[in-house]
Amino acid sequence: MTHQVLQGQWSLLNRSEEQVLGALLRLPTGYQVSSGERLQVPSSATGSVSRTYLSDFVISKDGRQQVVVEVKSPQSLTMVNLSRLRAIDKHLREAGKKFVLLVPTSQADTAALDEMQEFAELRVYPVSNDAEIISAVMSEFDAESPASLDS
């Protein structure tokens, strides 16, 4: 059994988010799962305008590192949404957090992203089962720190 701190409102989840939450609740001891947090994120390249972003989940490990998780369907991976997610990713990395995009789908449905260099820095994981979700999230805690990814 896992030992986790669960915080936040879980009643407004869609089917994909429910699937991801079910997997996240199976993370090993030391990981904490909470509902998303509200962040003020610049919405333009100049950062002059900000908008409120509510992430789907925030995963902490041993109370230190944080990975912000966003769940999106393949159909929602539009240029507008990807641009917005890229700005969120940049903002979170500057704050010392990691940002991952989980797409409940097959690898083929996200293959087009590999062709778009402007979104290469986004950490997108196509996931089709609990094991892939858990592996994707845990790999972020094993990866380099967000600040070193920019170097």
N, C-alpha and C. Protein backbone atom coordinates (compact mmCIF):
# COMPACT_ATOMS: atom_id res chain seq x y z
N MET A 1 0.84 -1.19 0.00
CA MET A 1 0.00 0.00 0.00
C MET A 1 0.88 1.24 0.00
N THR A 2 0.46 2.26 -0.72
CA THR A 2 1.24 3.49 -0.78
C THR A 2 0.83 4.42 0.35
N HIS A 3 1.74 5.26 0.74
CA HIS A 3 1.47 6.27 1.77
C HIS A 3 1.58 7.62 1.11
N GLN A 4 0.46 8.28 0.95
CA GLN A 4 0.44 9.53 0.21
C GLN A 4 -0.44 10.55 0.89
N VAL A 5 -0.13 11.79 0.70
CA VAL A 5 -0.97 12.88 1.15
C VAL A 5 -1.84 13.28 -0.03
N LEU A 6 -3.13 13.23 0.16
CA LEU A 6 -4.05 13.62 -0.91
C LEU A 6 -4.73 14.91 -0.50
N GLN A 7 -4.63 15.91 -1.34
CA GLN A 7 -5.23 17.19 -1.04
C GLN A 7 -5.99 17.68 -2.26
N GLY A 8 -6.99 18.50 -2.01
CA GLY A 8 -7.64 19.17 -3.12
C GLY A 8 -8.98 18.61 -3.49
N GLN A 9 -9.52 19.15 -4.56
CA GLN A 9 -10.85 18.82 -5.05
C GLN A 9 -10.74 17.84 -6.22
N TRP A 10 -11.36 16.69 -6.09
CA TRP A 10 -11.25 15.66 -7.12
C TRP A 10 -12.56 15.46 -7.88
N SER A 11 -13.59 16.22 -7.59
CA SER A 11 -14.91 15.92 -8.14
C SER A 11 -15.10 16.33 -9.60
N LEU A 12 -14.23 17.15 -10.15
CA LEU A 12 -14.45 17.67 -11.50
C LEU A 12 -13.52 17.06 -12.53
N LEU A 13 -13.16 15.81 -12.36
CA LEU A 13 -12.22 15.17 -13.27
C LEU A 13 -12.94 14.56 -14.46
N ASN A 14 -12.32 14.66 -15.65
CA ASN A 14 -12.87 13.95 -16.81
C ASN A 14 -12.34 12.51 -16.80
N ARG A 15 -12.75 11.72 -17.75
CA ARG A 15 -12.38 10.30 -17.77
C ARG A 15 -10.87 10.08 -17.83
N SER A 16 -10.18 10.84 -18.68
CA SER A 16 -8.72 10.70 -18.79
C SER A 16 -8.03 11.09 -17.49
N GLU A 17 -8.48 12.17 -16.87
CA GLU A 17 -7.89 12.59 -15.60
C GLU A 17 -8.15 11.56 -14.50
N GLU A 18 -9.33 10.95 -14.52
CA GLU A 18 -9.63 9.88 -13.56
C GLU A 18 -8.69 8.70 -13.74
N GLN A 19 -8.42 8.33 -15.00
CA GLN A 19 -7.50 7.23 -15.29
C GLN A 19 -6.11 7.56 -14.75
N VAL A 20 -5.65 8.77 -15.01
CA VAL A 20 -4.32 9.18 -14.54
C VAL A 20 -4.28 9.22 -13.02
N LEU A 21 -5.30 9.78 -12.39
CA LEU A 21 -5.33 9.81 -10.93
C LEU A 21 -5.27 8.41 -10.34
N GLY A 22 -6.02 7.47 -10.93
CA GLY A 22 -6.00 6.10 -10.44
C GLY A 22 -4.59 5.53 -10.45
N ALA A 23 -3.83 5.82 -11.50
CA ALA A 23 -2.44 5.35 -11.57
C ALA A 23 -1.56 6.10 -10.58
N LEU A 24 -1.73 7.41 -10.49
CA LEU A 24 -0.90 8.21 -9.59
C LEU A 24 -1.06 7.77 -8.14
N LEU A 25 -2.24 7.32 -7.80
CA LEU A 25 -2.47 6.86 -6.43
C LEU A 25 -1.73 5.57 -6.12
N ARG A 26 -1.17 4.95 -7.15
CA ARG A 26 -0.39 3.72 -6.97
C ARG A 26 1.12 3.98 -6.97
N LEU A 27 1.52 5.25 -6.97
CA LEU A 27 2.94 5.57 -6.88
C LEU A 27 3.50 5.03 -5.56
N PRO A 28 4.79 4.69 -5.53
CA PRO A 28 5.38 4.14 -4.31
C PRO A 28 5.39 5.12 -3.14
N THR A 29 5.68 4.62 -1.97
CA THR A 29 5.82 5.44 -0.78
C THR A 29 6.80 6.57 -1.03
N GLY A 30 6.50 7.74 -0.51
CA GLY A 30 7.37 8.90 -0.69
C GLY A 30 6.85 9.89 -1.70
N TYR A 31 5.92 9.47 -2.55
CA TYR A 31 5.30 10.37 -3.52
C TYR A 31 3.97 10.87 -2.94
N GLN A 32 3.72 12.16 -3.12
CA GLN A 32 2.46 12.74 -2.68
C GLN A 32 1.73 13.29 -3.89
N VAL A 33 0.44 13.06 -3.93
CA VAL A 33 -0.40 13.50 -5.05
C VAL A 33 -1.37 14.54 -4.53
N SER A 34 -1.44 15.67 -5.20
CA SER A 34 -2.45 16.66 -4.84
C SER A 34 -3.10 17.18 -6.11
N SER A 35 -4.28 17.73 -5.92
CA SER A 35 -4.94 18.33 -7.09
C SER A 35 -4.14 19.54 -7.51
N GLY A 36 -4.41 20.00 -8.69
CA GLY A 36 -3.60 21.07 -9.26
C GLY A 36 -3.58 22.33 -8.45
N GLU A 37 -2.60 23.15 -8.76
CA GLU A 37 -2.48 24.43 -8.09
C GLU A 37 -2.69 25.56 -9.08
N ARG A 38 -3.18 26.69 -8.58
CA ARG A 38 -3.39 27.87 -9.41
C ARG A 38 -2.09 28.64 -9.53
N LEU A 39 -1.75 28.98 -10.76
CA LEU A 39 -0.51 29.72 -11.03
C LEU A 39 -0.82 30.90 -11.94
N GLN A 40 -0.12 32.00 -11.74
CA GLN A 40 -0.18 33.12 -12.67
C GLN A 40 0.93 32.90 -13.68
N VAL A 41 0.57 32.76 -14.94
CA VAL A 41 1.52 32.44 -15.99
C VAL A 41 1.45 33.51 -17.08
N PRO A 42 2.61 34.03 -17.50
CA PRO A 42 2.59 34.98 -18.63
C PRO A 42 1.98 34.31 -19.86
N SER A 43 1.10 35.00 -20.55
CA SER A 43 0.46 34.41 -21.72
C SER A 43 1.03 34.93 -23.02
N SER A 44 1.98 35.82 -22.94
CA SER A 44 2.61 36.31 -24.17
C SER A 44 4.11 36.16 -24.05
N ALA A 45 4.79 36.24 -25.18
CA ALA A 45 6.24 36.09 -25.20
C ALA A 45 6.92 37.16 -24.35
N THR A 46 6.32 38.34 -24.27
CA THR A 46 6.91 39.42 -23.48
C THR A 46 6.59 39.29 -22.00
N GLY A 47 5.61 38.46 -21.68
CA GLY A 47 5.23 38.27 -20.29
C GLY A 47 4.40 39.41 -19.74
N SER A 48 3.92 40.29 -20.62
CA SER A 48 3.20 41.47 -20.17
C SER A 48 1.78 41.17 -19.68
N VAL A 49 1.19 40.11 -20.15
CA VAL A 49 -0.17 39.74 -19.75
C VAL A 49 -0.08 38.39 -19.06
N SER A 50 -0.79 38.25 -17.97
CA SER A 50 -0.76 36.94 -17.31
C SER A 50 -2.17 36.37 -17.23
N ARG A 51 -2.20 35.07 -17.09
CA ARG A 51 -3.47 34.38 -16.96
C ARG A 51 -3.33 33.37 -15.85
N THR A 52 -4.46 32.94 -15.32
CA THR A 52 -4.44 31.93 -14.27
C THR A 52 -4.49 30.56 -14.91
N TYR A 53 -3.61 29.71 -14.48
CA TYR A 53 -3.55 28.32 -14.97
C TYR A 53 -3.77 27.40 -13.78
N LEU A 54 -4.66 26.45 -13.93
CA LEU A 54 -4.91 25.44 -12.89
C LEU A 54 -4.45 24.10 -13.43
N SER A 55 -3.38 23.59 -12.86
CA SER A 55 -2.84 22.31 -13.32
C SER A 55 -3.76 21.18 -12.87
N ASP A 56 -3.62 20.02 -13.51
CA ASP A 56 -4.45 18.87 -13.13
C ASP A 56 -3.96 18.25 -11.83
N PHE A 57 -2.65 18.00 -11.72
CA PHE A 57 -2.08 17.36 -10.54
C PHE A 57 -0.70 17.93 -10.26
N VAL A 58 -0.32 17.86 -9.00
CA VAL A 58 1.05 18.17 -8.60
C VAL A 58 1.55 16.97 -7.80
N ILE A 59 2.69 16.44 -8.22
CA ILE A 59 3.29 15.29 -7.55
C ILE A 59 4.56 15.77 -6.86
N SER A 60 4.67 15.45 -5.59
CA SER A 60 5.87 15.77 -4.83
C SER A 60 6.53 14.47 -4.41
N LYS A 61 7.84 14.52 -4.25
CA LYS A 61 8.57 13.35 -3.77
C LYS A 61 9.34 13.77 -2.53
N ASP A 62 9.09 13.06 -1.46
CA ASP A 62 9.75 13.34 -0.19
C ASP A 62 9.63 14.81 0.20
N GLY A 63 8.52 15.44 -0.19
CA GLY A 63 8.25 16.82 0.18
C GLY A 63 9.16 17.86 -0.46
N ARG A 64 10.01 17.47 -1.41
CA ARG A 64 10.96 18.41 -2.00
C ARG A 64 10.64 18.70 -3.45
N GLN A 65 11.00 17.81 -4.34
CA GLN A 65 10.82 18.02 -5.77
C GLN A 65 9.34 18.04 -6.13
N GLN A 66 9.01 18.79 -7.18
CA GLN A 66 7.63 18.82 -7.66
C GLN A 66 7.58 18.65 -9.17
N VAL A 67 6.61 17.85 -9.60
CA VAL A 67 6.30 17.70 -11.02
C VAL A 67 4.83 18.08 -11.19
N VAL A 68 4.58 19.03 -12.06
CA VAL A 68 3.22 19.45 -12.38
C VAL A 68 2.77 18.62 -13.57
N VAL A 69 1.60 17.99 -13.44
CA VAL A 69 1.10 17.07 -14.47
C VAL A 69 -0.15 17.67 -15.10
N GLU A 70 -0.14 17.70 -16.42
CA GLU A 70 -1.30 18.12 -17.21
C GLU A 70 -1.73 16.94 -18.06
N VAL A 71 -3.03 16.66 -18.11
CA VAL A 71 -3.57 15.57 -18.90
C VAL A 71 -4.35 16.17 -20.07
N LYS A 72 -3.99 15.77 -21.28
CA LYS A 72 -4.66 16.29 -22.48
C LYS A 72 -4.97 15.15 -23.44
N SER A 73 -6.06 15.29 -24.15
CA SER A 73 -6.39 14.32 -25.20
C SER A 73 -5.60 14.67 -26.45
N PRO A 74 -5.41 13.71 -27.35
CA PRO A 74 -4.69 14.02 -28.60
C PRO A 74 -5.38 15.13 -29.39
N GLN A 75 -6.71 15.17 -29.33
CA GLN A 75 -7.46 16.18 -30.08
C GLN A 75 -7.21 17.59 -29.55
N SER A 76 -6.81 17.71 -28.29
CA SER A 76 -6.58 19.04 -27.72
C SER A 76 -5.17 19.56 -27.96
N LEU A 77 -4.34 18.79 -28.65
CA LEU A 77 -2.96 19.22 -28.92
C LEU A 77 -2.90 20.12 -30.15
N THR A 78 -3.63 21.20 -30.07
CA THR A 78 -3.66 22.19 -31.15
C THR A 78 -2.48 23.14 -31.00
N MET A 79 -2.19 23.89 -32.04
CA MET A 79 -1.09 24.86 -31.97
C MET A 79 -1.33 25.87 -30.85
N VAL A 80 -2.56 26.33 -30.69
CA VAL A 80 -2.87 27.30 -29.64
C VAL A 80 -2.61 26.69 -28.27
N ASN A 81 -3.12 25.48 -28.03
CA ASN A 81 -2.91 24.83 -26.74
C ASN A 81 -1.44 24.51 -26.49
N LEU A 82 -0.74 24.04 -27.51
CA LEU A 82 0.68 23.72 -27.35
C LEU A 82 1.49 24.97 -27.04
N SER A 83 1.15 26.08 -27.65
CA SER A 83 1.84 27.34 -27.36
C SER A 83 1.59 27.75 -25.91
N ARG A 84 0.37 27.61 -25.47
CA ARG A 84 0.03 27.94 -24.07
C ARG A 84 0.78 27.01 -23.12
N LEU A 85 0.82 25.72 -23.44
CA LEU A 85 1.51 24.75 -22.58
C LEU A 85 3.02 25.00 -22.56
N ARG A 86 3.57 25.45 -23.68
CA ARG A 86 4.99 25.78 -23.73
C ARG A 86 5.30 26.95 -22.79
N ALA A 87 4.42 27.95 -22.76
CA ALA A 87 4.62 29.10 -21.85
C ALA A 87 4.51 28.66 -20.39
N ILE A 88 3.59 27.76 -20.12
CA ILE A 88 3.44 27.23 -18.75
C ILE A 88 4.69 26.45 -18.36
N ASP A 89 5.19 25.62 -19.26
CA ASP A 89 6.39 24.84 -19.01
C ASP A 89 7.57 25.76 -18.69
N LYS A 90 7.75 26.79 -19.49
CA LYS A 90 8.85 27.73 -19.28
C LYS A 90 8.74 28.40 -17.91
N HIS A 91 7.56 28.85 -17.57
CA HIS A 91 7.32 29.51 -16.29
C HIS A 91 7.62 28.57 -15.13
N LEU A 92 7.17 27.33 -15.23
CA LEU A 92 7.39 26.37 -14.14
C LEU A 92 8.88 26.01 -14.02
N ARG A 93 9.56 25.83 -15.13
CA ARG A 93 11.00 25.54 -15.07
C ARG A 93 11.76 26.68 -14.40
N GLU A 94 11.36 27.92 -14.70
CA GLU A 94 12.00 29.07 -14.07
C GLU A 94 11.76 29.09 -12.56
N ALA A 95 10.65 28.48 -12.14
CA ALA A 95 10.31 28.39 -10.71
C ALA A 95 10.90 27.13 -10.07
N GLY A 96 11.68 26.35 -10.84
CA GLY A 96 12.32 25.15 -10.29
C GLY A 96 11.44 23.91 -10.26
N LYS A 97 10.36 23.95 -11.02
CA LYS A 97 9.45 22.80 -11.08
C LYS A 97 9.52 22.17 -12.46
N LYS A 98 9.09 20.94 -12.54
CA LYS A 98 9.01 20.25 -13.83
C LYS A 98 7.56 20.19 -14.26
N PHE A 99 7.36 20.11 -15.57
CA PHE A 99 6.02 20.08 -16.15
C PHE A 99 5.97 18.95 -17.16
N VAL A 100 4.98 18.09 -17.02
CA VAL A 100 4.81 17.00 -17.98
C VAL A 100 3.38 16.98 -18.50
N LEU A 101 3.29 16.55 -19.72
CA LEU A 101 2.02 16.44 -20.40
C LEU A 101 1.77 14.95 -20.64
N LEU A 102 0.72 14.41 -20.04
CA LEU A 102 0.35 13.02 -20.24
C LEU A 102 -0.83 12.98 -21.21
N VAL A 103 -0.67 12.17 -22.27
CA VAL A 103 -1.70 12.07 -23.30
C VAL A 103 -2.16 10.62 -23.36
N PRO A 104 -3.32 10.31 -22.76
CA PRO A 104 -3.83 8.94 -22.81
C PRO A 104 -4.18 8.57 -24.25
N THR A 105 -3.27 7.84 -24.88
CA THR A 105 -3.38 7.54 -26.31
C THR A 105 -2.28 6.57 -26.71
N SER A 106 -2.15 6.35 -28.00
CA SER A 106 -1.04 5.55 -28.50
C SER A 106 0.08 6.48 -28.97
N GLN A 107 1.27 5.94 -29.12
CA GLN A 107 2.42 6.71 -29.58
C GLN A 107 2.13 7.34 -30.95
N ALA A 108 1.41 6.66 -31.80
CA ALA A 108 1.11 7.16 -33.15
C ALA A 108 0.33 8.47 -33.10
N ASP A 109 -0.54 8.64 -32.09
CA ASP A 109 -1.36 9.84 -32.00
C ASP A 109 -0.56 11.09 -31.64
N THR A 110 0.63 10.92 -31.07
CA THR A 110 1.46 12.08 -30.71
C THR A 110 2.71 12.19 -31.58
N ALA A 111 2.85 11.32 -32.56
CA ALA A 111 4.05 11.31 -33.41
C ALA A 111 4.27 12.64 -34.12
N ALA A 112 3.22 13.34 -34.47
CA ALA A 112 3.35 14.62 -35.18
C ALA A 112 4.11 15.65 -34.35
N LEU A 113 4.05 15.53 -33.03
CA LEU A 113 4.78 16.46 -32.16
C LEU A 113 6.29 16.38 -32.38
N ASP A 114 6.77 15.21 -32.74
CA ASP A 114 8.20 15.03 -32.98
C ASP A 114 8.68 15.90 -34.13
N GLU A 115 7.78 16.24 -35.03
CA GLU A 115 8.12 17.06 -36.20
C GLU A 115 8.14 18.55 -35.89
N MET A 116 7.55 18.95 -34.78
CA MET A 116 7.40 20.37 -34.44
C MET A 116 8.50 20.80 -33.49
N GLN A 117 9.59 21.34 -34.03
CA GLN A 117 10.74 21.73 -33.23
C GLN A 117 10.42 22.80 -32.19
N GLU A 118 9.44 23.65 -32.47
CA GLU A 118 9.11 24.72 -31.54
C GLU A 118 8.55 24.19 -30.22
N PHE A 119 8.15 22.92 -30.22
CA PHE A 119 7.61 22.32 -28.99
C PHE A 119 8.51 21.20 -28.46
N ALA A 120 9.75 21.16 -28.92
CA ALA A 120 10.66 20.08 -28.56
C ALA A 120 10.93 20.02 -27.06
N GLU A 121 10.88 21.18 -26.39
CA GLU A 121 11.18 21.18 -24.95
C GLU A 121 10.04 20.64 -24.09
N LEU A 122 8.84 20.54 -24.66
CA LEU A 122 7.72 19.99 -23.88
C LEU A 122 7.96 18.50 -23.61
N ARG A 123 7.71 18.10 -22.40
CA ARG A 123 7.86 16.70 -22.01
C ARG A 123 6.48 16.03 -22.18
N VAL A 124 6.27 15.39 -23.33
CA VAL A 124 4.99 14.77 -23.67
C VAL A 124 5.14 13.26 -23.60
N TYR A 125 4.26 12.63 -22.84
CA TYR A 125 4.28 11.18 -22.69
C TYR A 125 2.95 10.60 -23.17
N PRO A 126 2.94 9.87 -24.28
CA PRO A 126 1.72 9.12 -24.61
C PRO A 126 1.63 7.94 -23.65
N VAL A 127 0.48 7.78 -23.02
CA VAL A 127 0.31 6.72 -22.03
C VAL A 127 -0.98 5.96 -22.32
N SER A 128 -0.92 4.65 -22.17
CA SER A 128 -2.13 3.86 -22.43
C SER A 128 -2.51 2.97 -21.26
N ASN A 129 -1.71 2.97 -20.20
CA ASN A 129 -2.06 2.15 -19.02
C ASN A 129 -1.38 2.71 -17.78
N ASP A 130 -1.75 2.14 -16.63
CA ASP A 130 -1.22 2.63 -15.35
C ASP A 130 0.30 2.55 -15.28
N ALA A 131 0.87 1.47 -15.77
CA ALA A 131 2.32 1.30 -15.70
C ALA A 131 3.05 2.41 -16.46
N GLU A 132 2.53 2.79 -17.62
CA GLU A 132 3.15 3.87 -18.41
C GLU A 132 3.02 5.22 -17.71
N ILE A 133 1.88 5.45 -17.07
CA ILE A 133 1.67 6.70 -16.34
C ILE A 133 2.67 6.79 -15.18
N ILE A 134 2.76 5.73 -14.41
CA ILE A 134 3.67 5.70 -13.26
C ILE A 134 5.11 5.86 -13.72
N SER A 135 5.49 5.16 -14.77
CA SER A 135 6.85 5.24 -15.30
C SER A 135 7.18 6.66 -15.77
N ALA A 136 6.26 7.30 -16.47
CA ALA A 136 6.49 8.65 -16.97
C ALA A 136 6.73 9.63 -15.82
N VAL A 137 5.89 9.56 -14.80
CA VAL A 137 6.03 10.49 -13.68
C VAL A 137 7.31 10.21 -12.90
N MET A 138 7.58 8.95 -12.61
CA MET A 138 8.78 8.61 -11.85
C MET A 138 10.05 8.99 -12.61
N SER A 139 10.03 8.88 -13.93
CA SER A 139 11.22 9.23 -14.71
C SER A 139 11.56 10.71 -14.60
N GLU A 140 10.56 11.54 -14.39
CA GLU A 140 10.79 12.98 -14.23
C GLU A 140 11.55 13.28 -12.94
N PHE A 141 11.34 12.48 -11.92
CA PHE A 141 12.06 12.68 -10.67
C PHE A 141 13.51 12.20 -10.78
N ASP A 142 13.76 11.30 -11.72
CA ASP A 142 15.11 10.79 -11.94
C ASP A 142 15.89 11.65 -12.93
N ALA A 143 15.18 12.49 -13.70
CA ALA A 143 15.82 13.31 -14.73
C ALA A 143 16.56 14.49 -14.11
N GLU A 144 17.30 15.20 -14.94
CA GLU A 144 18.03 16.38 -14.49
C GLU A 144 17.07 17.43 -13.96
N SER A 145 17.59 18.35 -13.17
CA SER A 145 16.78 19.41 -12.63
C SER A 145 16.30 20.33 -13.76
N PRO A 146 15.16 21.03 -13.58
CA PRO A 146 14.64 21.89 -14.64
C PRO A 146 15.63 22.96 -15.08
N ALA A 147 16.38 23.54 -14.16
CA ALA A 147 17.32 24.61 -14.52
C ALA A 147 18.41 24.09 -15.45
N SER A 148 18.84 22.86 -15.24
CA SER A 148 19.92 22.33 -16.08
C SER A 148 19.42 21.91 -17.45
N LEU A 149 18.11 21.77 -17.62
CA LEU A 149 17.56 21.42 -18.93
C LEU A 149 17.69 22.58 -19.91
N ASP A 150 17.78 23.81 -19.40
CA ASP A 150 17.89 24.99 -20.26
C ASP A 150 19.31 25.21 -20.76
N SER A 151 20.28 24.63 -20.11
CA SER A 151 21.69 24.86 -20.45
C SER A 151 22.07 24.28 -21.78
